[in-house]
Structures are given as structure tokens and as C-alpha cells.
């Protein structure tokens, strides 16, 4: 989903695609519930000026650096850059601040019955950027997915969706953060947050 704010207006394009997890080779323990969940969402937004001041002064390293899925996050970035290179797009680089935001969003997705670019408290997804100290962006994009078990499957899923593919291929993106979370049943949540080049203050 991409949000661009010129003045007060924010245009949000959200794609919700509902597919059966069994179509991805998964066997959910509760098919009647899990097969009905949307599997991916895409959102891109331009933001007006800097983000609001951070609403918290620190972020737990356990949230920011999900070491359990460290290899997966880097593999997602590698696969994304392969796809971008095929169309002559510059590579995106993992940025720790975007990774913090993406990991927060992945943890939040565990709390929601369906994928959504709206946070559990009702706020728009991009408000998470204001909670990461020293992160100020003019535009950002978010891709969500649920249920895939490997980086290859989730990137293929995104690339098969025109809206997600568009988000991945935007030439204005130079940085990326990837967040991954897993619930007690093994269901995995995947989040990509894209941004422009981020220059340290």
C-alpha cells in the first residue's frame, strides 16, 4: 500500500487478496479459520514532511533484531534485489531503523485476525515510523503477508500480486526493513517496509 500525502490528503491503495493456505503447500491445523485469512496486503504512502516526534524513547532490541529469523530477513532482501535487478532497478539495502519498524508491525500482525494496514490501536500503519527514534521519511511503503514458511514463498507471493510487485519495484526505494514473527501455532507474519535513501543526521 502506498500513501502519498500532498497537503492533508492521504491516498491509500490497499489490495487484499484472499487465497487458501493449502494452495501454498501448507496444511493449517484449523482449515476452517486459516484458509479464510487474506494472505497478503500492499500499501505505499507519501508522508508530509518529517514524522511526528517519537512516542517512545526506546525500542527493545529483542523487538528490533528478531535474531531467530535473521537469515530469513536477509534472504528476503536478497531475493527482492534479484527481482529488482531483472528490471534494471537499483538494489535496496537493509536499514536498521526500518527493520525496527517492520519488526514492530510483524509483532502487531500476530494480534489481528486478518492482515491489515491498520494497527491494533486503529492508527494507520505508517504511524509506526514515528515510534522509531531518528527515523524521518517523506514516503514509505509496506507489504504484508501471512502463512508462508520460507523467504522464497513469500517473495514469490508478493511478486505474483501486481500491487505488491509495484511496491517492490519502485525506483525511489533505496532502503528496506523486514520483520518476521511467528505465533504458537507456527503461523508466520511477514512485513516489508520500504523507504528512500536515509541519511544519518
C-alpha atoms as a PDB file:
ATOM      1  CA  UNK A   1       0.000   0.000   0.000  1.00  0.00           C
ATOM      2  CA  UNK A   2       1.433   3.369  -0.927  1.00  0.00           C
ATOM      3  CA  UNK A   3       0.395   6.520   0.858  1.00  0.00           C
ATOM      4  CA  UNK A   4       1.228   9.888  -0.560  1.00  0.00           C
ATOM      5  CA  UNK A   5       0.197  12.994   1.343  1.00  0.00           C
ATOM      6  CA  UNK A   6       0.006  16.302  -0.582  1.00  0.00           C
ATOM      7  CA  UNK A   7      -1.418  18.782   1.933  1.00  0.00           C
ATOM      8  CA  UNK A   8      -3.896  16.998   4.137  1.00  0.00           C
ATOM      9  CA  UNK A   9      -4.958  14.224   1.776  1.00  0.00           C
ATOM     10  CA  UNK A  10      -3.582  10.735   2.014  1.00  0.00           C
ATOM     11  CA  UNK A  11      -4.315   8.347  -0.768  1.00  0.00           C
ATOM     12  CA  UNK A  12      -4.069   4.751   0.266  1.00  0.00           C
ATOM     13  CA  UNK A  13      -4.327   1.872  -2.117  1.00  0.00           C
ATOM     14  CA  UNK A  14      -4.858  -1.400  -0.318  1.00  0.00           C
ATOM     15  CA  UNK A  15      -5.011  -4.749  -2.006  1.00  0.00           C
ATOM     16  CA  UNK A  16      -6.462  -7.619  -0.054  1.00  0.00           C
ATOM     17  CA  UNK A  17      -6.104 -10.941  -1.796  1.00  0.00           C
ATOM     18  CA  UNK A  18      -7.670 -13.957  -0.162  1.00  0.00           C
ATOM     19  CA  UNK A  19      -6.101 -17.292  -1.013  1.00  0.00           C
ATOM     20  CA  UNK A  20      -6.154 -20.694   0.619  1.00  0.00           C
ATOM     21  CA  UNK A  21      -3.045 -21.594   2.589  1.00  0.00           C
ATOM     22  CA  UNK A  22      -3.321 -25.110   1.191  1.00  0.00           C
ATOM     23  CA  UNK A  23      -2.629 -23.616  -2.236  1.00  0.00           C
ATOM     24  CA  UNK A  24       0.796 -22.653  -0.891  1.00  0.00           C
ATOM     25  CA  UNK A  25       1.528 -26.189   0.174  1.00  0.00           C
ATOM     26  CA  UNK A  26       0.562 -25.612   3.804  1.00  0.00           C
ATOM     27  CA  UNK A  27      -1.676 -27.763   5.952  1.00  0.00           C
ATOM     28  CA  UNK A  28      -3.188 -25.477   8.585  1.00  0.00           C
ATOM     29  CA  UNK A  29      -4.315 -27.157  11.760  1.00  0.00           C
ATOM     30  CA  UNK A  30      -7.643 -25.279  11.600  1.00  0.00           C
ATOM     31  CA  UNK A  31      -8.537 -25.039   7.893  1.00  0.00           C
ATOM     32  CA  UNK A  32     -11.939 -23.504   8.519  1.00  0.00           C
ATOM     33  CA  UNK A  33     -10.267 -20.436  10.008  1.00  0.00           C
ATOM     34  CA  UNK A  34      -6.846 -20.093   8.430  1.00  0.00           C
ATOM     35  CA  UNK A  35      -7.838 -20.732   4.824  1.00  0.00           C
ATOM     36  CA  UNK A  36     -10.167 -17.737   5.019  1.00  0.00           C
ATOM     37  CA  UNK A  37      -7.444 -15.266   6.016  1.00  0.00           C
ATOM     38  CA  UNK A  38      -6.067 -12.798   3.467  1.00  0.00           C
ATOM     39  CA  UNK A  39      -2.548 -13.830   2.584  1.00  0.00           C
ATOM     40  CA  UNK A  40      -1.005 -10.527   1.546  1.00  0.00           C
ATOM     41  CA  UNK A  41      -1.539  -6.772   1.580  1.00  0.00           C
ATOM     42  CA  UNK A  42       0.348  -3.902  -0.020  1.00  0.00           C
ATOM     43  CA  UNK A  43       0.433  -0.218   0.896  1.00  0.00           C
ATOM     44  CA  UNK A  44       2.506   2.779  -0.168  1.00  0.00           C
ATOM     45  CA  UNK A  45       2.270   6.265   1.307  1.00  0.00           C
ATOM     46  CA  UNK A  46       3.984   9.587   0.760  1.00  0.00           C
ATOM     47  CA  UNK A  47       4.306  11.390   4.059  1.00  0.00           C
ATOM     48  CA  UNK A  48       4.216  15.141   4.548  1.00  0.00           C
ATOM     49  CA  UNK A  49       7.457  16.377   5.999  1.00  0.00           C
ATOM     50  CA  UNK A  50       9.017  14.690   8.972  1.00  0.00           C
ATOM     51  CA  UNK A  51       7.183  12.227  11.143  1.00  0.00           C
ATOM     52  CA  UNK A  52       5.643  13.245  14.432  1.00  0.00           C
ATOM     53  CA  UNK A  53       8.037  13.173  17.380  1.00  0.00           C
ATOM     54  CA  UNK A  54       8.654   9.629  18.644  1.00  0.00           C
ATOM     55  CA  UNK A  55       6.020   8.462  21.084  1.00  0.00           C
ATOM     56  CA  UNK A  56       8.543   6.280  22.855  1.00  0.00           C
ATOM     57  CA  UNK A  57      12.192   6.870  23.589  1.00  0.00           C
ATOM     58  CA  UNK A  58      13.483   3.359  23.199  1.00  0.00           C
ATOM     59  CA  UNK A  59      12.768   0.112  21.416  1.00  0.00           C
ATOM     60  CA  UNK A  60      13.681  -3.276  22.781  1.00  0.00           C
ATOM     61  CA  UNK A  61      16.495  -4.928  20.878  1.00  0.00           C
ATOM     62  CA  UNK A  62      14.508  -8.143  21.124  1.00  0.00           C
ATOM     63  CA  UNK A  63      11.805  -6.482  19.034  1.00  0.00           C
ATOM     64  CA  UNK A  64      14.178  -4.670  16.675  1.00  0.00           C
ATOM     65  CA  UNK A  65      16.502  -7.506  15.859  1.00  0.00           C
ATOM     66  CA  UNK A  66      14.497 -10.744  15.664  1.00  0.00           C
ATOM     67  CA  UNK A  67      17.623 -12.907  15.663  1.00  0.00           C
ATOM     68  CA  UNK A  68      15.612 -16.096  15.281  1.00  0.00           C
ATOM     69  CA  UNK A  69      14.752 -15.103  11.707  1.00  0.00           C
ATOM     70  CA  UNK A  70      17.894 -13.144  10.886  1.00  0.00           C
ATOM     71  CA  UNK A  71      18.822 -15.403   7.959  1.00  0.00           C
ATOM     72  CA  UNK A  72      15.264 -15.187   6.622  1.00  0.00           C
ATOM     73  CA  UNK A  73      15.201 -11.389   6.684  1.00  0.00           C
ATOM     74  CA  UNK A  74      18.457 -11.157   4.756  1.00  0.00           C
ATOM     75  CA  UNK A  75      17.250 -13.754   2.271  1.00  0.00           C
ATOM     76  CA  UNK A  76      14.092 -11.728   1.641  1.00  0.00           C
ATOM     77  CA  UNK A  77      16.256  -8.708   0.822  1.00  0.00           C
ATOM     78  CA  UNK A  78      18.497 -10.790  -1.445  1.00  0.00           C
ATOM     79  CA  UNK A  79      15.514 -12.160  -3.379  1.00  0.00           C
ATOM     80  CA  UNK A  80      13.926  -8.717  -3.662  1.00  0.00           C
ATOM     81  CA  UNK A  81      17.154  -7.354  -5.159  1.00  0.00           C
ATOM     82  CA  UNK A  82      17.280 -10.197  -7.674  1.00  0.00           C
ATOM     83  CA  UNK A  83      13.809  -9.212  -8.851  1.00  0.00           C
ATOM     84  CA  UNK A  84      14.699  -5.522  -8.981  1.00  0.00           C
ATOM     85  CA  UNK A  85      17.905  -6.225 -10.941  1.00  0.00           C
ATOM     86  CA  UNK A  86      15.888  -8.071 -13.591  1.00  0.00           C
ATOM     87  CA  UNK A  87      14.170  -4.784 -14.419  1.00  0.00           C
ATOM     88  CA  UNK A  88      17.176  -2.534 -14.031  1.00  0.00           C
ATOM     89  CA  UNK A  89      16.146  -1.177 -10.627  1.00  0.00           C
ATOM     90  CA  UNK A  90      18.865  -0.281  -8.083  1.00  0.00           C
ATOM     91  CA  UNK A  91      19.168  -2.615  -5.090  1.00  0.00           C
ATOM     92  CA  UNK A  92      17.634  -1.782  -1.719  1.00  0.00           C
ATOM     93  CA  UNK A  93      19.729  -2.030   1.426  1.00  0.00           C
ATOM     94  CA  UNK A  94      18.600  -3.282   4.804  1.00  0.00           C
ATOM     95  CA  UNK A  95      18.348  -0.345   7.199  1.00  0.00           C
ATOM     96  CA  UNK A  96      18.242  -0.993  10.957  1.00  0.00           C
ATOM     97  CA  UNK A  97      15.639   1.713  11.637  1.00  0.00           C
ATOM     98  CA  UNK A  98      13.254   0.359   9.032  1.00  0.00           C
ATOM     99  CA  UNK A  99      13.944  -3.129  10.404  1.00  0.00           C
ATOM    100  CA  UNK A 100      12.812  -1.897  13.826  1.00  0.00           C
ATOM    101  CA  UNK A 101       9.576  -0.559  12.369  1.00  0.00           C
ATOM    102  CA  UNK A 102       8.966  -3.717  10.344  1.00  0.00           C
ATOM    103  CA  UNK A 103       9.519  -5.948  13.357  1.00  0.00           C
ATOM    104  CA  UNK A 104       7.019  -3.956  15.414  1.00  0.00           C
ATOM    105  CA  UNK A 105       4.486  -4.338  12.610  1.00  0.00           C
ATOM    106  CA  UNK A 106       5.136  -8.084  12.349  1.00  0.00           C
ATOM    107  CA  UNK A 107       4.516  -8.483  16.091  1.00  0.00           C
ATOM    108  CA  UNK A 108       1.316  -6.450  15.768  1.00  0.00           C
ATOM    109  CA  UNK A 109       0.089  -8.716  12.969  1.00  0.00           C
ATOM    110  CA  UNK A 110       0.056 -11.590  15.442  1.00  0.00           C
ATOM    111  CA  UNK A 111      -2.713  -9.727  17.299  1.00  0.00           C
ATOM    112  CA  UNK A 112      -5.033  -9.304  14.312  1.00  0.00           C
ATOM    113  CA  UNK A 113      -7.340 -11.977  12.845  1.00  0.00           C
ATOM    114  CA  UNK A 114      -6.815 -10.624   9.327  1.00  0.00           C
ATOM    115  CA  UNK A 115      -3.987  -8.791   7.599  1.00  0.00           C
ATOM    116  CA  UNK A 116      -4.411  -5.047   7.816  1.00  0.00           C
ATOM    117  CA  UNK A 117      -2.507  -1.832   7.217  1.00  0.00           C
ATOM    118  CA  UNK A 118      -4.356  -0.523  10.258  1.00  0.00           C
ATOM    119  CA  UNK A 119      -2.603  -1.075  13.565  1.00  0.00           C
ATOM    120  CA  UNK A 120      -4.314  -2.781  16.523  1.00  0.00           C
ATOM    121  CA  UNK A 121      -4.997   0.626  18.120  1.00  0.00           C
ATOM    122  CA  UNK A 122      -6.753   1.857  14.957  1.00  0.00           C
ATOM    123  CA  UNK A 123      -3.887   4.029  13.697  1.00  0.00           C
ATOM    124  CA  UNK A 124      -2.556   3.857  10.125  1.00  0.00           C
ATOM    125  CA  UNK A 125       0.422   1.561   9.625  1.00  0.00           C
ATOM    126  CA  UNK A 126       2.880   4.351   8.886  1.00  0.00           C
ATOM    127  CA  UNK A 127       2.488   5.850  12.356  1.00  0.00           C
ATOM    128  CA  UNK A 128       4.949   3.171  13.454  1.00  0.00           C
ATOM    129  CA  UNK A 129       7.654   5.222  11.748  1.00  0.00           C
ATOM    130  CA  UNK A 130       7.150   7.956  14.327  1.00  0.00           C
ATOM    131  CA  UNK A 131       7.911   5.473  17.098  1.00  0.00           C
ATOM    132  CA  UNK A 132      11.405   4.764  15.829  1.00  0.00           C
ATOM    133  CA  UNK A 133      13.876   7.346  17.136  1.00  0.00           C
ATOM    134  CA  UNK A 134      15.777   9.322  14.493  1.00  0.00           C
ATOM    135  CA  UNK A 135      13.662   7.998  11.615  1.00  0.00           C
ATOM    136  CA  UNK A 136      12.163  10.698   9.381  1.00  0.00           C
ATOM    137  CA  UNK A 137      10.807   9.862   5.919  1.00  0.00           C
ATOM    138  CA  UNK A 138       8.914  11.657   3.160  1.00  0.00           C
ATOM    139  CA  UNK A 139       7.444   8.451   1.752  1.00  0.00           C
ATOM    140  CA  UNK A 140       7.264   4.794   2.665  1.00  0.00           C
ATOM    141  CA  UNK A 141       5.657   1.556   1.511  1.00  0.00           C
ATOM    142  CA  UNK A 142       4.523  -1.573   3.319  1.00  0.00           C
ATOM    143  CA  UNK A 143       3.914  -5.129   2.100  1.00  0.00           C
ATOM    144  CA  UNK A 144       2.324  -7.729   4.366  1.00  0.00           C
ATOM    145  CA  UNK A 145       1.941 -11.487   4.042  1.00  0.00           C
ATOM    146  CA  UNK A 146       0.799 -14.322   6.262  1.00  0.00           C
ATOM    147  CA  UNK A 147       1.319 -18.063   6.338  1.00  0.00           C
ATOM    148  CA  UNK A 148       4.273 -18.639   4.020  1.00  0.00           C
ATOM    149  CA  UNK A 149       7.053 -20.696   5.575  1.00  0.00           C
ATOM    150  CA  UNK A 150      10.094 -19.591   3.559  1.00  0.00           C
ATOM    151  CA  UNK A 151      11.502 -16.373   2.081  1.00  0.00           C
ATOM    152  CA  UNK A 152      11.175 -17.851  -1.415  1.00  0.00           C
ATOM    153  CA  UNK A 153       7.461 -18.488  -1.000  1.00  0.00           C
ATOM    154  CA  UNK A 154       6.671 -15.090   0.430  1.00  0.00           C
ATOM    155  CA  UNK A 155       8.647 -13.171  -2.202  1.00  0.00           C
ATOM    156  CA  UNK A 156       7.029 -15.246  -4.957  1.00  0.00           C
ATOM    157  CA  UNK A 157       3.638 -14.465  -3.429  1.00  0.00           C
ATOM    158  CA  UNK A 158       4.346 -10.748  -3.446  1.00  0.00           C
ATOM    159  CA  UNK A 159       5.732 -10.827  -6.984  1.00  0.00           C
ATOM    160  CA  UNK A 160       2.586 -12.608  -8.223  1.00  0.00           C
ATOM    161  CA  UNK A 161       0.474  -9.669  -6.984  1.00  0.00           C
ATOM    162  CA  UNK A 162       0.528  -6.521  -9.171  1.00  0.00           C
ATOM    163  CA  UNK A 163       0.201  -4.177  -6.172  1.00  0.00           C
ATOM    164  CA  UNK A 164       2.937  -5.843  -4.134  1.00  0.00           C
ATOM    165  CA  UNK A 165       5.173  -6.122  -7.167  1.00  0.00           C
ATOM    166  CA  UNK A 166       4.688  -2.425  -7.854  1.00  0.00           C
ATOM    167  CA  UNK A 167       5.771  -1.621  -4.307  1.00  0.00           C
ATOM    168  CA  UNK A 168       8.858  -3.828  -4.610  1.00  0.00           C
ATOM    169  CA  UNK A 169       9.864  -2.330  -7.950  1.00  0.00           C
ATOM    170  CA  UNK A 170       9.518   1.386  -7.183  1.00  0.00           C
ATOM    171  CA  UNK A 171      12.798   3.040  -8.241  1.00  0.00           C
ATOM    172  CA  UNK A 172      12.511   5.606  -5.450  1.00  0.00           C
ATOM    173  CA  UNK A 173      13.083   2.942  -2.802  1.00  0.00           C
ATOM    174  CA  UNK A 174      16.681   2.563  -1.647  1.00  0.00           C
ATOM    175  CA  UNK A 175      16.198   1.079   1.818  1.00  0.00           C
ATOM    176  CA  UNK A 176      14.175  -1.770   3.288  1.00  0.00           C
ATOM    177  CA  UNK A 177      13.327  -3.285   6.636  1.00  0.00           C
ATOM    178  CA  UNK A 178      11.997  -6.824   7.024  1.00  0.00           C
ATOM    179  CA  UNK A 179      10.083  -8.073  10.052  1.00  0.00           C
ATOM    180  CA  UNK A 180       9.054 -11.650  10.795  1.00  0.00           C
ATOM    181  CA  UNK A 181       7.007 -13.012  13.676  1.00  0.00           C
ATOM    182  CA  UNK A 182       5.560 -16.421  14.462  1.00  0.00           C
ATOM    183  CA  UNK A 183       2.716 -17.421  16.753  1.00  0.00           C
ATOM    184  CA  UNK A 184       2.493 -20.504  18.952  1.00  0.00           C
ATOM    185  CA  UNK A 185       0.803 -22.441  16.143  1.00  0.00           C
ATOM    186  CA  UNK A 186       3.679 -21.753  13.785  1.00  0.00           C
ATOM    187  CA  UNK A 187       1.848 -19.189  11.647  1.00  0.00           C
ATOM    188  CA  UNK A 188       4.326 -16.681  10.241  1.00  0.00           C
ATOM    189  CA  UNK A 189       3.795 -12.975   9.648  1.00  0.00           C
ATOM    190  CA  UNK A 190       5.972 -11.164   7.105  1.00  0.00           C
ATOM    191  CA  UNK A 191       6.420  -7.392   6.757  1.00  0.00           C
ATOM    192  CA  UNK A 192       8.431  -5.315   4.320  1.00  0.00           C
ATOM    193  CA  UNK A 193       8.791  -1.571   4.814  1.00  0.00           C
ATOM    194  CA  UNK A 194      10.440   0.351   2.000  1.00  0.00           C
ATOM    195  CA  UNK A 195      11.876   3.837   2.141  1.00  0.00           C
ATOM    196  CA  UNK A 196      14.040   6.301   0.224  1.00  0.00           C
ATOM    197  CA  UNK A 197      17.702   6.795   0.999  1.00  0.00           C
ATOM    198  CA  UNK A 198      18.118   7.541   4.704  1.00  0.00           C
ATOM    199  CA  UNK A 199      20.892   9.957   5.608  1.00  0.00           C
ATOM    200  CA  UNK A 200      22.137   9.946   9.199  1.00  0.00           C
ATOM    201  CA  UNK A 201      21.737  13.268  10.983  1.00  0.00           C
END
